[in-house]
Amino acid sequence: MGEVMLPLLTIRRAAIIVDCHPETLRRAIRAGKLAAYRRPGSTRISETDLKAYLDTYHCPATEMTSRTWNYVAANGPSSGGKKGSATDSRLALRMRNALDKH
């Protein structure tokens, strides 16, 4: 009976505290990275569980290694983008065939 109940935070309030989107915390809960208390209609997070989550999954930014680091990161090769469509490859094939005929 000597146990003290800690205040529980709503997901929205916890997201404001850690400055992230509420869906980020929901994903962490679903992935099992953040402990939460679920009741019909609400999900609550204890302050100690939120702190433990931040301590475990905090990834500080590393220091820049050179003055041009930001330039290289911004202008380097892309990791994504739109793939060439099938139409582009067909057009290139038609152009090659037309050049071969002449």
N, C-alpha and C. Protein backbone atom coordinates (compact mmCIF):
# COMPACT_ATOMS: atom_id res chain seq x y z
N MET A 1 0.80 -1.19 0.00
CA MET A 1 0.00 0.00 0.00
C MET A 1 0.84 1.26 0.00
N GLY A 2 2.16 1.13 0.23
CA GLY A 2 3.03 2.29 0.29
C GLY A 2 3.50 2.74 -1.09
N GLU A 3 3.03 2.07 -2.14
CA GLU A 3 3.45 2.42 -3.49
C GLU A 3 2.82 3.73 -3.94
N VAL A 4 3.61 4.55 -4.60
CA VAL A 4 3.12 5.83 -5.10
C VAL A 4 2.86 5.69 -6.59
N MET A 5 1.69 6.11 -7.02
CA MET A 5 1.36 6.06 -8.44
C MET A 5 2.01 7.23 -9.15
N LEU A 6 2.76 6.93 -10.19
CA LEU A 6 3.37 7.98 -11.00
C LEU A 6 2.34 8.52 -11.98
N PRO A 7 2.40 9.80 -12.29
CA PRO A 7 1.46 10.34 -13.27
C PRO A 7 1.75 9.76 -14.66
N LEU A 8 0.69 9.44 -15.36
CA LEU A 8 0.83 8.89 -16.71
C LEU A 8 0.54 9.98 -17.73
N LEU A 9 1.28 9.94 -18.81
CA LEU A 9 1.15 10.94 -19.87
C LEU A 9 0.35 10.37 -21.04
N THR A 10 -0.41 11.21 -21.68
CA THR A 10 -1.04 10.80 -22.93
C THR A 10 0.04 10.78 -24.00
N ILE A 11 -0.23 10.13 -25.10
CA ILE A 11 0.74 10.08 -26.19
C ILE A 11 1.00 11.49 -26.71
N ARG A 12 -0.04 12.28 -26.83
CA ARG A 12 0.12 13.64 -27.33
C ARG A 12 1.02 14.47 -26.41
N ARG A 13 0.81 14.36 -25.09
CA ARG A 13 1.61 15.12 -24.12
C ARG A 13 3.06 14.64 -24.14
N ALA A 14 3.27 13.32 -24.22
CA ALA A 14 4.63 12.77 -24.27
C ALA A 14 5.34 13.22 -25.54
N ALA A 15 4.62 13.30 -26.65
CA ALA A 15 5.21 13.76 -27.91
C ALA A 15 5.63 15.22 -27.81
N ILE A 16 4.85 16.02 -27.13
CA ILE A 16 5.21 17.43 -26.93
C ILE A 16 6.47 17.53 -26.08
N ILE A 17 6.58 16.70 -25.06
CA ILE A 17 7.73 16.74 -24.17
C ILE A 17 9.02 16.38 -24.92
N VAL A 18 8.96 15.33 -25.75
CA VAL A 18 10.17 14.90 -26.46
C VAL A 18 10.30 15.54 -27.84
N ASP A 19 9.37 16.42 -28.20
CA ASP A 19 9.41 17.17 -29.45
C ASP A 19 9.45 16.25 -30.66
N CYS A 20 8.44 15.39 -30.75
CA CYS A 20 8.30 14.53 -31.91
C CYS A 20 6.82 14.39 -32.23
N HIS A 21 6.51 13.73 -33.31
CA HIS A 21 5.13 13.52 -33.71
C HIS A 21 4.54 12.37 -32.88
N PRO A 22 3.27 12.45 -32.50
CA PRO A 22 2.67 11.36 -31.72
C PRO A 22 2.76 9.99 -32.39
N GLU A 23 2.72 9.98 -33.72
CA GLU A 23 2.79 8.69 -34.42
C GLU A 23 4.16 8.03 -34.22
N THR A 24 5.20 8.83 -34.02
CA THR A 24 6.53 8.27 -33.74
C THR A 24 6.50 7.45 -32.46
N LEU A 25 5.83 7.97 -31.45
CA LEU A 25 5.71 7.23 -30.19
C LEU A 25 4.80 6.02 -30.35
N ARG A 26 3.75 6.14 -31.13
CA ARG A 26 2.86 4.99 -31.37
C ARG A 26 3.63 3.86 -32.05
N ARG A 27 4.49 4.21 -33.02
CA ARG A 27 5.30 3.19 -33.70
C ARG A 27 6.26 2.52 -32.72
N ALA A 28 6.85 3.32 -31.82
CA ALA A 28 7.77 2.76 -30.82
C ALA A 28 7.02 1.81 -29.90
N ILE A 29 5.79 2.14 -29.54
CA ILE A 29 4.98 1.25 -28.69
C ILE A 29 4.68 -0.04 -29.43
N ARG A 30 4.26 0.07 -30.70
CA ARG A 30 3.95 -1.14 -31.48
C ARG A 30 5.18 -2.03 -31.68
N ALA A 31 6.36 -1.39 -31.81
CA ALA A 31 7.60 -2.14 -32.01
C ALA A 31 8.15 -2.73 -30.71
N GLY A 32 7.54 -2.36 -29.57
CA GLY A 32 7.99 -2.87 -28.29
C GLY A 32 9.17 -2.10 -27.72
N LYS A 33 9.48 -0.94 -28.29
CA LYS A 33 10.59 -0.14 -27.80
C LYS A 33 10.19 0.77 -26.65
N LEU A 34 8.91 1.07 -26.55
CA LEU A 34 8.40 1.97 -25.51
C LEU A 34 7.23 1.29 -24.80
N ALA A 35 7.36 1.18 -23.48
CA ALA A 35 6.30 0.55 -22.69
C ALA A 35 5.13 1.53 -22.54
N ALA A 36 3.93 1.00 -22.60
CA ALA A 36 2.74 1.85 -22.47
C ALA A 36 1.64 1.06 -21.78
N TYR A 37 0.72 1.81 -21.23
CA TYR A 37 -0.45 1.23 -20.57
C TYR A 37 -1.65 1.52 -21.47
N ARG A 38 -2.31 0.46 -21.89
CA ARG A 38 -3.44 0.63 -22.80
C ARG A 38 -4.74 0.35 -22.08
N ARG A 39 -5.68 1.24 -22.29
CA ARG A 39 -7.04 1.09 -21.81
C ARG A 39 -7.93 1.39 -22.99
N PRO A 40 -9.14 0.90 -23.00
CA PRO A 40 -10.03 1.23 -24.12
C PRO A 40 -10.17 2.74 -24.28
N GLY A 41 -9.80 3.22 -25.42
CA GLY A 41 -9.94 4.64 -25.72
C GLY A 41 -8.73 5.50 -25.39
N SER A 42 -7.71 4.94 -24.72
CA SER A 42 -6.55 5.76 -24.42
C SER A 42 -5.32 4.89 -24.20
N THR A 43 -4.18 5.47 -24.46
CA THR A 43 -2.90 4.84 -24.20
C THR A 43 -2.09 5.82 -23.38
N ARG A 44 -1.48 5.35 -22.31
CA ARG A 44 -0.73 6.22 -21.41
C ARG A 44 0.70 5.71 -21.27
N ILE A 45 1.60 6.66 -21.03
CA ILE A 45 3.03 6.35 -20.90
C ILE A 45 3.51 6.95 -19.58
N SER A 46 4.27 6.19 -18.82
CA SER A 46 4.83 6.74 -17.59
C SER A 46 6.07 7.56 -17.93
N GLU A 47 6.36 8.53 -17.07
CA GLU A 47 7.53 9.39 -17.29
C GLU A 47 8.82 8.58 -17.25
N THR A 48 8.89 7.59 -16.37
CA THR A 48 10.10 6.77 -16.27
C THR A 48 10.30 5.93 -17.52
N ASP A 49 9.21 5.38 -18.09
CA ASP A 49 9.32 4.61 -19.33
C ASP A 49 9.72 5.50 -20.50
N LEU A 50 9.21 6.72 -20.54
CA LEU A 50 9.58 7.66 -21.60
C LEU A 50 11.05 8.03 -21.49
N LYS A 51 11.53 8.24 -20.27
CA LYS A 51 12.95 8.56 -20.08
C LYS A 51 13.82 7.38 -20.46
N ALA A 52 13.42 6.18 -20.10
CA ALA A 52 14.18 4.99 -20.46
C ALA A 52 14.25 4.82 -21.98
N TYR A 53 13.13 5.10 -22.66
CA TYR A 53 13.10 5.03 -24.13
C TYR A 53 14.08 6.03 -24.74
N LEU A 54 14.07 7.25 -24.21
CA LEU A 54 14.98 8.27 -24.74
C LEU A 54 16.44 7.91 -24.47
N ASP A 55 16.72 7.37 -23.28
CA ASP A 55 18.10 6.99 -22.96
C ASP A 55 18.58 5.83 -23.83
N THR A 56 17.68 4.92 -24.16
CA THR A 56 18.05 3.75 -24.95
C THR A 56 18.20 4.07 -26.43
N TYR A 57 17.29 4.85 -26.97
CA TYR A 57 17.25 5.06 -28.41
C TYR A 57 17.71 6.45 -28.84
N HIS A 58 18.34 7.20 -27.94
CA HIS A 58 18.86 8.53 -28.28
C HIS A 58 20.07 8.37 -29.18
N CYS A 59 20.08 9.07 -30.28
CA CYS A 59 21.18 8.99 -31.24
C CYS A 59 21.69 10.41 -31.48
N PRO A 60 22.71 10.84 -30.73
CA PRO A 60 23.19 12.21 -30.90
C PRO A 60 23.85 12.41 -32.25
N ALA A 61 23.77 13.61 -32.76
CA ALA A 61 24.41 13.92 -34.02
C ALA A 61 25.92 13.90 -33.82
N THR A 62 26.62 13.35 -34.80
CA THR A 62 28.07 13.32 -34.71
C THR A 62 28.64 14.64 -35.17
N GLU A 63 29.83 14.92 -34.75
CA GLU A 63 30.47 16.17 -35.16
C GLU A 63 30.89 16.07 -36.62
N MET A 64 30.90 17.19 -37.29
CA MET A 64 31.33 17.22 -38.68
C MET A 64 32.82 16.93 -38.73
N THR A 65 33.23 16.17 -39.73
CA THR A 65 34.64 15.82 -39.85
C THR A 65 35.40 16.80 -40.73
N SER A 66 34.70 17.54 -41.57
CA SER A 66 35.37 18.51 -42.42
C SER A 66 34.45 19.70 -42.67
N ARG A 67 35.03 20.77 -43.20
CA ARG A 67 34.23 21.96 -43.47
C ARG A 67 33.24 21.73 -44.61
N THR A 68 33.55 20.80 -45.49
CA THR A 68 32.69 20.57 -46.65
C THR A 68 31.70 19.44 -46.43
N TRP A 69 31.60 18.96 -45.19
CA TRP A 69 30.75 17.81 -44.92
C TRP A 69 29.31 18.06 -45.35
N ASN A 70 28.74 19.22 -44.99
CA ASN A 70 27.36 19.50 -45.37
C ASN A 70 27.20 19.60 -46.87
N TYR A 71 28.19 20.19 -47.55
CA TYR A 71 28.12 20.32 -49.00
C TYR A 71 28.12 18.94 -49.65
N VAL A 72 29.02 18.08 -49.19
CA VAL A 72 29.10 16.73 -49.77
C VAL A 72 27.83 15.96 -49.50
N ALA A 73 27.29 16.06 -48.29
CA ALA A 73 26.08 15.34 -47.94
C ALA A 73 24.90 15.82 -48.78
N ALA A 74 24.84 17.11 -49.03
CA ALA A 74 23.71 17.67 -49.78
C ALA A 74 23.84 17.44 -51.28
N ASN A 75 25.05 17.36 -51.79
CA ASN A 75 25.24 17.27 -53.24
C ASN A 75 25.81 15.94 -53.70
N GLY A 76 25.89 14.98 -52.81
CA GLY A 76 26.43 13.67 -53.16
C GLY A 76 25.40 12.86 -53.94
N PRO A 77 25.71 11.60 -54.17
CA PRO A 77 24.78 10.76 -54.91
C PRO A 77 23.47 10.59 -54.15
N SER A 78 22.40 10.51 -54.87
CA SER A 78 21.09 10.39 -54.27
C SER A 78 20.84 8.95 -53.84
N SER A 79 20.10 8.79 -52.78
CA SER A 79 19.77 7.45 -52.31
C SER A 79 18.42 6.99 -52.82
N GLY A 80 17.78 7.80 -53.59
CA GLY A 80 16.46 7.42 -54.07
C GLY A 80 16.14 8.17 -55.32
N GLY A 81 14.90 8.47 -55.48
CA GLY A 81 14.50 9.23 -56.65
C GLY A 81 13.68 8.38 -57.59
N LYS A 82 13.25 9.01 -58.65
CA LYS A 82 12.39 8.34 -59.61
C LYS A 82 13.22 7.48 -60.54
N LYS A 83 12.83 6.24 -60.67
CA LYS A 83 13.51 5.34 -61.58
C LYS A 83 13.13 5.71 -63.01
N GLY A 84 14.00 5.36 -63.94
CA GLY A 84 13.67 5.56 -65.34
C GLY A 84 12.49 4.68 -65.71
N SER A 85 11.57 5.21 -66.44
CA SER A 85 10.38 4.43 -66.78
C SER A 85 10.66 3.52 -67.97
N ALA A 86 9.77 2.57 -68.18
CA ALA A 86 9.90 1.65 -69.31
C ALA A 86 9.81 2.42 -70.62
N THR A 87 9.07 3.52 -70.64
CA THR A 87 8.94 4.32 -71.85
C THR A 87 10.29 4.91 -72.24
N ASP A 88 11.07 5.34 -71.27
CA ASP A 88 12.40 5.89 -71.55
C ASP A 88 13.29 4.85 -72.22
N SER A 89 13.26 3.63 -71.73
CA SER A 89 14.12 2.60 -72.31
C SER A 89 13.64 2.23 -73.72
N ARG A 90 12.32 2.21 -73.93
CA ARG A 90 11.82 1.92 -75.29
C ARG A 90 12.20 3.03 -76.26
N LEU A 91 12.14 4.26 -75.82
CA LEU A 91 12.51 5.39 -76.67
C LEU A 91 13.99 5.31 -77.03
N ALA A 92 14.84 4.97 -76.08
CA ALA A 92 16.27 4.83 -76.36
C ALA A 92 16.52 3.70 -77.34
N LEU A 93 15.79 2.60 -77.20
CA LEU A 93 15.94 1.48 -78.13
C LEU A 93 15.52 1.87 -79.53
N ARG A 94 14.40 2.59 -79.66
CA ARG A 94 13.95 3.06 -80.98
C ARG A 94 14.98 3.99 -81.62
N MET A 95 15.57 4.86 -80.83
CA MET A 95 16.57 5.78 -81.37
C MET A 95 17.80 5.03 -81.84
N ARG A 96 18.24 4.02 -81.08
CA ARG A 96 19.39 3.22 -81.51
C ARG A 96 19.09 2.47 -82.80
N ASN A 97 17.89 1.90 -82.88
CA ASN A 97 17.51 1.17 -84.09
C ASN A 97 17.44 2.12 -85.29
N ALA A 98 16.93 3.32 -85.10
CA ALA A 98 16.84 4.27 -86.20
C ALA A 98 18.24 4.68 -86.67
N LEU A 99 19.16 4.85 -85.72
CA LEU A 99 20.53 5.22 -86.10
C LEU A 99 21.24 4.08 -86.80
N ASP A 100 20.96 2.82 -86.40
CA ASP A 100 21.58 1.66 -87.04
C ASP A 100 21.13 1.49 -88.47
N LYS A 101 19.90 1.87 -88.78
CA LYS A 101 19.35 1.71 -90.12
C LYS A 101 20.03 2.66 -91.10
N HIS A 102 20.51 3.80 -90.63
CA HIS A 102 21.10 4.80 -91.54
C HIS A 102 22.53 4.57 -91.75
